């Protein structure tokens, strides 16, 4: 895959991760609660535990690492569990809701395809 496409998708994804991570602390983007009762309980449990802060910090750190080409693969691996949980949550509980999760997911997959050669060297 073209290295420029990977780099640009990484920069946009990094910017989104930093913005969404900071939003968890500052709250400048209003987010409507999900309609599903189970999803509301999950979000409530996340707000009242340490998990909310950990996810926000991983998003901010991972997003910042995506801006530097040398740490691109590390950032992708750091954001992998966060993106998995974002996708799993929205597919299971809030698929029809806001589609804001689709853009970071598409950028993450596109970026992962570009990281494939580096990830193969980590496995071998």
N, C-alpha and C. Protein backbone atom coordinates (compact mmCIF):
# COMPACT_ATOMS: atom_id res chain seq x y z
N UNK A 1 0.85 -1.18 0.00
CA UNK A 1 0.00 0.00 0.00
C UNK A 1 0.89 1.24 0.00
N UNK A 2 0.36 2.28 -0.55
CA UNK A 2 1.09 3.52 -0.65
C UNK A 2 1.43 4.05 0.75
N UNK A 3 2.70 4.41 0.94
CA UNK A 3 3.15 4.90 2.24
C UNK A 3 2.50 6.23 2.60
N UNK A 4 2.20 7.06 1.60
CA UNK A 4 1.55 8.35 1.88
C UNK A 4 0.12 8.15 2.40
N UNK A 5 -0.59 7.19 1.84
CA UNK A 5 -1.95 6.90 2.30
C UNK A 5 -1.92 6.44 3.75
N UNK A 6 -0.97 5.56 4.08
CA UNK A 6 -0.84 5.08 5.45
C UNK A 6 -0.51 6.23 6.39
N UNK A 7 0.39 7.10 5.96
CA UNK A 7 0.80 8.22 6.80
C UNK A 7 -0.35 9.20 7.02
N UNK A 8 -1.08 9.53 5.96
CA UNK A 8 -2.19 10.48 6.08
C UNK A 8 -3.31 9.89 6.92
N UNK A 9 -3.63 8.61 6.71
CA UNK A 9 -4.69 7.99 7.52
C UNK A 9 -4.26 7.91 8.98
N UNK A 10 -2.97 7.70 9.22
CA UNK A 10 -2.46 7.69 10.59
C UNK A 10 -2.55 9.05 11.25
N UNK A 11 -2.27 10.10 10.49
CA UNK A 11 -2.35 11.46 11.04
C UNK A 11 -3.80 11.82 11.39
N UNK A 12 -4.72 11.49 10.50
CA UNK A 12 -6.13 11.79 10.77
C UNK A 12 -6.63 10.97 11.95
N UNK A 13 -6.28 9.68 11.97
CA UNK A 13 -6.69 8.82 13.09
C UNK A 13 -6.07 9.33 14.39
N UNK A 14 -4.82 9.73 14.35
CA UNK A 14 -4.17 10.26 15.55
C UNK A 14 -4.87 11.50 16.06
N UNK A 15 -5.24 12.39 15.15
CA UNK A 15 -5.95 13.60 15.54
C UNK A 15 -7.30 13.26 16.17
N UNK A 16 -8.02 12.31 15.55
CA UNK A 16 -9.32 11.91 16.11
C UNK A 16 -9.17 11.28 17.49
N UNK A 17 -8.16 10.43 17.67
CA UNK A 17 -7.96 9.78 18.96
C UNK A 17 -7.61 10.79 20.05
N UNK A 18 -6.78 11.76 19.72
CA UNK A 18 -6.43 12.80 20.70
C UNK A 18 -7.67 13.63 21.05
N UNK A 19 -8.45 14.00 20.04
CA UNK A 19 -9.66 14.80 20.29
C UNK A 19 -10.65 14.02 21.15
N UNK A 20 -10.92 12.75 20.78
CA UNK A 20 -11.90 11.97 21.55
C UNK A 20 -11.37 11.64 22.94
N UNK A 21 -10.07 11.44 23.08
CA UNK A 21 -9.49 11.20 24.40
C UNK A 21 -9.60 12.43 25.29
N UNK A 22 -9.29 13.59 24.73
CA UNK A 22 -9.42 14.83 25.50
C UNK A 22 -10.88 15.14 25.83
N UNK A 23 -11.78 14.75 24.93
CA UNK A 23 -13.20 14.99 25.18
C UNK A 23 -13.68 14.24 26.42
N UNK A 24 -13.06 13.12 26.73
CA UNK A 24 -13.45 12.37 27.93
C UNK A 24 -13.11 13.14 29.20
N UNK A 25 -12.08 13.98 29.15
CA UNK A 25 -11.71 14.79 30.31
C UNK A 25 -12.39 16.15 30.32
N UNK A 26 -12.46 16.80 29.16
CA UNK A 26 -12.94 18.17 29.09
C UNK A 26 -14.43 18.24 28.74
N UNK A 27 -14.91 17.36 27.88
CA UNK A 27 -16.32 17.31 27.53
C UNK A 27 -16.77 18.41 26.60
N UNK A 28 -16.01 18.72 25.57
CA UNK A 28 -16.39 19.79 24.64
C UNK A 28 -17.24 19.31 23.49
N UNK A 29 -17.38 17.99 23.29
CA UNK A 29 -18.28 17.44 22.27
C UNK A 29 -19.40 16.72 23.01
N UNK A 30 -20.63 17.23 22.91
CA UNK A 30 -21.73 16.55 23.61
C UNK A 30 -22.03 15.20 22.96
N UNK A 31 -22.18 14.18 23.79
CA UNK A 31 -22.46 12.83 23.31
C UNK A 31 -23.76 12.37 23.94
N UNK A 32 -24.69 11.94 23.10
CA UNK A 32 -25.97 11.45 23.61
C UNK A 32 -25.80 10.05 24.17
N UNK A 33 -26.49 9.73 25.26
CA UNK A 33 -26.39 8.37 25.78
C UNK A 33 -27.03 7.37 24.83
N UNK A 34 -26.53 6.14 24.81
CA UNK A 34 -27.13 5.14 23.92
C UNK A 34 -28.54 4.79 24.36
N UNK A 35 -29.35 4.33 23.42
CA UNK A 35 -30.74 4.00 23.71
C UNK A 35 -30.87 2.67 24.45
N UNK A 36 -29.95 1.74 24.21
CA UNK A 36 -30.00 0.42 24.81
C UNK A 36 -29.70 0.49 26.31
N UNK A 37 -30.54 -0.17 27.12
CA UNK A 37 -30.39 -0.12 28.58
C UNK A 37 -29.09 -0.78 29.04
N UNK A 38 -28.71 -1.88 28.40
CA UNK A 38 -27.45 -2.55 28.76
C UNK A 38 -26.26 -1.65 28.45
N UNK A 39 -26.32 -0.96 27.33
CA UNK A 39 -25.25 -0.04 26.97
C UNK A 39 -25.16 1.11 27.96
N UNK A 40 -26.30 1.59 28.44
CA UNK A 40 -26.31 2.66 29.43
C UNK A 40 -25.68 2.20 30.74
N UNK A 41 -25.95 0.96 31.14
CA UNK A 41 -25.33 0.43 32.36
C UNK A 41 -23.83 0.28 32.18
N UNK A 42 -23.39 -0.15 30.99
CA UNK A 42 -21.96 -0.29 30.72
C UNK A 42 -21.26 1.06 30.79
N UNK A 43 -21.84 2.05 30.15
CA UNK A 43 -21.26 3.39 30.16
C UNK A 43 -21.23 3.94 31.58
N UNK A 44 -22.30 3.70 32.34
CA UNK A 44 -22.33 4.15 33.73
C UNK A 44 -21.24 3.49 34.57
N UNK A 45 -21.04 2.20 34.36
CA UNK A 45 -19.98 1.50 35.09
C UNK A 45 -18.60 2.01 34.68
N UNK A 46 -18.45 2.34 33.42
CA UNK A 46 -17.17 2.85 32.94
C UNK A 46 -16.88 4.23 33.53
N UNK A 47 -17.89 5.08 33.65
CA UNK A 47 -17.71 6.41 34.22
C UNK A 47 -17.34 6.36 35.70
N UNK A 48 -17.85 5.40 36.42
CA UNK A 48 -17.61 5.34 37.86
C UNK A 48 -16.39 4.52 38.24
N UNK A 49 -15.64 4.03 37.27
CA UNK A 49 -14.45 3.24 37.58
C UNK A 49 -13.22 3.89 36.96
N UNK A 50 -12.10 3.25 37.16
CA UNK A 50 -10.83 3.72 36.60
C UNK A 50 -10.77 3.54 35.09
N UNK A 51 -11.62 2.70 34.52
CA UNK A 51 -11.55 2.33 33.12
C UNK A 51 -11.68 3.54 32.18
N UNK A 52 -12.52 4.48 32.55
CA UNK A 52 -12.75 5.66 31.73
C UNK A 52 -11.46 6.46 31.55
N UNK A 53 -10.71 6.65 32.63
CA UNK A 53 -9.46 7.40 32.59
C UNK A 53 -8.40 6.64 31.79
N UNK A 54 -8.33 5.33 31.97
CA UNK A 54 -7.34 4.51 31.27
C UNK A 54 -7.60 4.56 29.76
N UNK A 55 -8.84 4.41 29.36
CA UNK A 55 -9.17 4.45 27.93
C UNK A 55 -8.84 5.82 27.35
N UNK A 56 -9.17 6.88 28.07
CA UNK A 56 -8.88 8.23 27.59
C UNK A 56 -7.38 8.44 27.44
N UNK A 57 -6.59 8.00 28.41
CA UNK A 57 -5.14 8.16 28.33
C UNK A 57 -4.54 7.34 27.19
N UNK A 58 -5.03 6.12 26.98
CA UNK A 58 -4.54 5.29 25.88
C UNK A 58 -4.88 5.94 24.54
N UNK A 59 -6.07 6.51 24.42
CA UNK A 59 -6.44 7.20 23.19
C UNK A 59 -5.53 8.39 22.93
N UNK A 60 -5.25 9.18 23.95
CA UNK A 60 -4.40 10.36 23.79
C UNK A 60 -2.97 9.96 23.46
N UNK A 61 -2.41 9.02 24.22
CA UNK A 61 -1.03 8.59 23.99
C UNK A 61 -0.90 7.91 22.63
N UNK A 62 -1.82 7.00 22.32
CA UNK A 62 -1.79 6.32 21.02
C UNK A 62 -1.95 7.29 19.86
N UNK A 63 -2.84 8.24 20.01
CA UNK A 63 -3.03 9.25 18.97
C UNK A 63 -1.80 10.11 18.78
N UNK A 64 -1.16 10.49 19.87
CA UNK A 64 0.07 11.29 19.77
C UNK A 64 1.20 10.48 19.13
N UNK A 65 1.28 9.19 19.44
CA UNK A 65 2.33 8.35 18.85
C UNK A 65 2.11 8.14 17.35
N UNK A 66 0.88 8.24 16.89
CA UNK A 66 0.61 8.09 15.46
C UNK A 66 1.18 9.24 14.63
N UNK A 67 1.46 10.37 15.27
CA UNK A 67 2.03 11.51 14.55
C UNK A 67 3.50 11.32 14.22
N UNK A 68 4.16 10.41 14.92
CA UNK A 68 5.59 10.19 14.69
C UNK A 68 5.78 8.90 13.90
N UNK A 69 6.43 8.95 12.74
CA UNK A 69 6.56 7.76 11.89
C UNK A 69 7.27 6.58 12.57
N UNK A 70 8.23 6.85 13.44
CA UNK A 70 8.97 5.75 14.07
C UNK A 70 8.12 4.98 15.08
N UNK A 71 7.09 5.60 15.62
CA UNK A 71 6.26 4.94 16.63
C UNK A 71 4.89 4.57 16.09
N UNK A 72 4.75 4.59 14.79
CA UNK A 72 3.47 4.30 14.15
C UNK A 72 2.95 2.90 14.49
N UNK A 73 3.81 1.91 14.40
CA UNK A 73 3.39 0.54 14.67
C UNK A 73 3.06 0.35 16.14
N UNK A 74 3.85 0.94 17.02
CA UNK A 74 3.57 0.86 18.46
C UNK A 74 2.22 1.50 18.77
N UNK A 75 1.95 2.64 18.16
CA UNK A 75 0.67 3.31 18.38
C UNK A 75 -0.48 2.45 17.89
N UNK A 76 -0.32 1.82 16.73
CA UNK A 76 -1.36 0.96 16.18
C UNK A 76 -1.65 -0.20 17.14
N UNK A 77 -0.60 -0.79 17.67
CA UNK A 77 -0.78 -1.91 18.60
C UNK A 77 -1.40 -1.44 19.92
N UNK A 78 -1.06 -0.25 20.35
CA UNK A 78 -1.63 0.30 21.58
C UNK A 78 -3.13 0.60 21.41
N UNK A 79 -3.49 1.08 20.23
CA UNK A 79 -4.89 1.43 19.97
C UNK A 79 -5.75 0.23 19.57
N UNK A 80 -5.14 -0.89 19.27
CA UNK A 80 -5.89 -2.07 18.83
C UNK A 80 -6.98 -2.49 19.81
N UNK A 81 -6.69 -2.67 21.11
CA UNK A 81 -7.79 -3.08 22.01
C UNK A 81 -8.85 -1.99 22.19
N UNK A 82 -8.45 -0.74 22.12
CA UNK A 82 -9.43 0.35 22.24
C UNK A 82 -10.38 0.33 21.05
N UNK A 83 -9.82 0.20 19.85
CA UNK A 83 -10.66 0.17 18.65
C UNK A 83 -11.54 -1.07 18.62
N UNK A 84 -10.99 -2.20 19.06
CA UNK A 84 -11.80 -3.42 19.12
C UNK A 84 -13.01 -3.21 20.02
N UNK A 85 -12.81 -2.61 21.18
CA UNK A 85 -13.92 -2.38 22.10
C UNK A 85 -14.91 -1.36 21.57
N UNK A 86 -14.42 -0.35 20.87
CA UNK A 86 -15.32 0.63 20.27
C UNK A 86 -16.23 -0.05 19.25
N UNK A 87 -15.64 -0.86 18.38
CA UNK A 87 -16.42 -1.55 17.35
C UNK A 87 -17.37 -2.56 18.00
N UNK A 88 -16.88 -3.35 18.95
CA UNK A 88 -17.73 -4.35 19.60
C UNK A 88 -18.91 -3.70 20.31
N UNK A 89 -18.66 -2.60 21.01
CA UNK A 89 -19.74 -1.91 21.72
C UNK A 89 -20.80 -1.41 20.75
N UNK A 90 -20.38 -0.75 19.67
CA UNK A 90 -21.35 -0.18 18.75
C UNK A 90 -22.08 -1.24 17.93
N UNK A 91 -21.41 -2.30 17.58
CA UNK A 91 -22.08 -3.38 16.84
C UNK A 91 -23.11 -4.06 17.74
N UNK A 92 -22.77 -4.27 19.00
CA UNK A 92 -23.66 -4.98 19.92
C UNK A 92 -24.79 -4.12 20.47
N UNK A 93 -24.53 -2.83 20.71
CA UNK A 93 -25.50 -2.03 21.46
C UNK A 93 -26.00 -0.78 20.77
N UNK A 94 -25.21 -0.18 19.91
CA UNK A 94 -25.58 1.14 19.40
C UNK A 94 -25.25 1.26 17.92
N UNK A 95 -25.58 0.23 17.14
CA UNK A 95 -25.20 0.21 15.73
C UNK A 95 -25.91 1.30 14.94
N UNK A 96 -27.17 1.49 15.19
CA UNK A 96 -27.95 2.47 14.44
C UNK A 96 -27.68 3.88 14.94
N UNK A 97 -27.22 4.02 16.18
CA UNK A 97 -26.98 5.33 16.79
C UNK A 97 -26.09 6.22 15.97
N UNK A 98 -25.26 6.98 16.62
CA UNK A 98 -24.38 7.88 15.87
C UNK A 98 -23.33 7.06 15.12
N UNK A 99 -23.04 7.46 13.93
CA UNK A 99 -22.08 6.73 13.12
C UNK A 99 -20.68 7.29 13.22
N UNK A 100 -20.41 8.05 14.28
CA UNK A 100 -19.11 8.69 14.41
C UNK A 100 -17.98 7.68 14.60
N UNK A 101 -18.30 6.48 15.00
CA UNK A 101 -17.29 5.45 15.22
C UNK A 101 -16.82 4.81 13.91
N UNK A 102 -17.56 5.01 12.83
CA UNK A 102 -17.19 4.40 11.56
C UNK A 102 -15.92 4.99 10.93
N UNK A 103 -15.74 6.29 11.05
CA UNK A 103 -14.55 6.92 10.47
C UNK A 103 -13.26 6.45 11.15
N UNK A 104 -13.15 6.50 12.49
CA UNK A 104 -11.93 5.97 13.10
C UNK A 104 -11.70 4.49 12.81
N UNK A 105 -12.77 3.73 12.71
CA UNK A 105 -12.63 2.30 12.41
C UNK A 105 -12.06 2.10 11.01
N UNK A 106 -12.60 2.82 10.04
CA UNK A 106 -12.10 2.71 8.66
C UNK A 106 -10.65 3.16 8.57
N UNK A 107 -10.31 4.25 9.24
CA UNK A 107 -8.93 4.73 9.22
C UNK A 107 -7.99 3.74 9.91
N UNK A 108 -8.47 3.12 10.98
CA UNK A 108 -7.65 2.15 11.71
C UNK A 108 -7.37 0.92 10.84
N UNK A 109 -8.39 0.44 10.14
CA UNK A 109 -8.21 -0.71 9.25
C UNK A 109 -7.28 -0.35 8.10
N UNK A 110 -7.48 0.81 7.51
CA UNK A 110 -6.62 1.26 6.43
C UNK A 110 -5.17 1.39 6.90
N UNK A 111 -5.00 1.92 8.08
CA UNK A 111 -3.68 2.07 8.66
C UNK A 111 -3.07 0.72 8.98
N UNK A 112 -3.87 -0.23 9.43
CA UNK A 112 -3.38 -1.57 9.72
C UNK A 112 -2.92 -2.30 8.48
N UNK A 113 -3.60 -2.07 7.37
CA UNK A 113 -3.17 -2.68 6.12
C UNK A 113 -1.80 -2.13 5.72
N UNK A 114 -1.59 -0.85 5.95
CA UNK A 114 -0.30 -0.25 5.66
C UNK A 114 0.79 -0.70 6.61
N UNK A 115 0.41 -1.09 7.82
CA UNK A 115 1.38 -1.56 8.83
C UNK A 115 1.69 -3.04 8.70
N UNK A 116 1.00 -3.72 7.81
CA UNK A 116 1.12 -5.18 7.70
C UNK A 116 2.56 -5.68 7.56
N UNK A 117 3.41 -5.10 6.72
CA UNK A 117 4.79 -5.60 6.63
C UNK A 117 5.56 -5.47 7.96
N UNK A 118 5.36 -4.37 8.67
CA UNK A 118 6.04 -4.18 9.95
C UNK A 118 5.50 -5.14 10.99
N UNK A 119 4.20 -5.39 10.96
CA UNK A 119 3.61 -6.32 11.92
C UNK A 119 4.06 -7.75 11.65
N UNK A 120 4.27 -8.10 10.39
CA UNK A 120 4.77 -9.45 10.06
C UNK A 120 6.17 -9.66 10.61
N UNK A 121 6.99 -8.62 10.58
CA UNK A 121 8.35 -8.77 11.13
C UNK A 121 8.33 -8.95 12.64
N UNK A 122 7.32 -8.39 13.30
CA UNK A 122 7.20 -8.58 14.75
C UNK A 122 6.82 -10.01 15.09
N UNK A 123 6.02 -10.63 14.24
CA UNK A 123 5.57 -12.00 14.49
C UNK A 123 6.66 -13.00 14.17
N UNK A 124 7.40 -12.77 13.10
CA UNK A 124 8.45 -13.73 12.69
C UNK A 124 9.63 -13.74 13.62
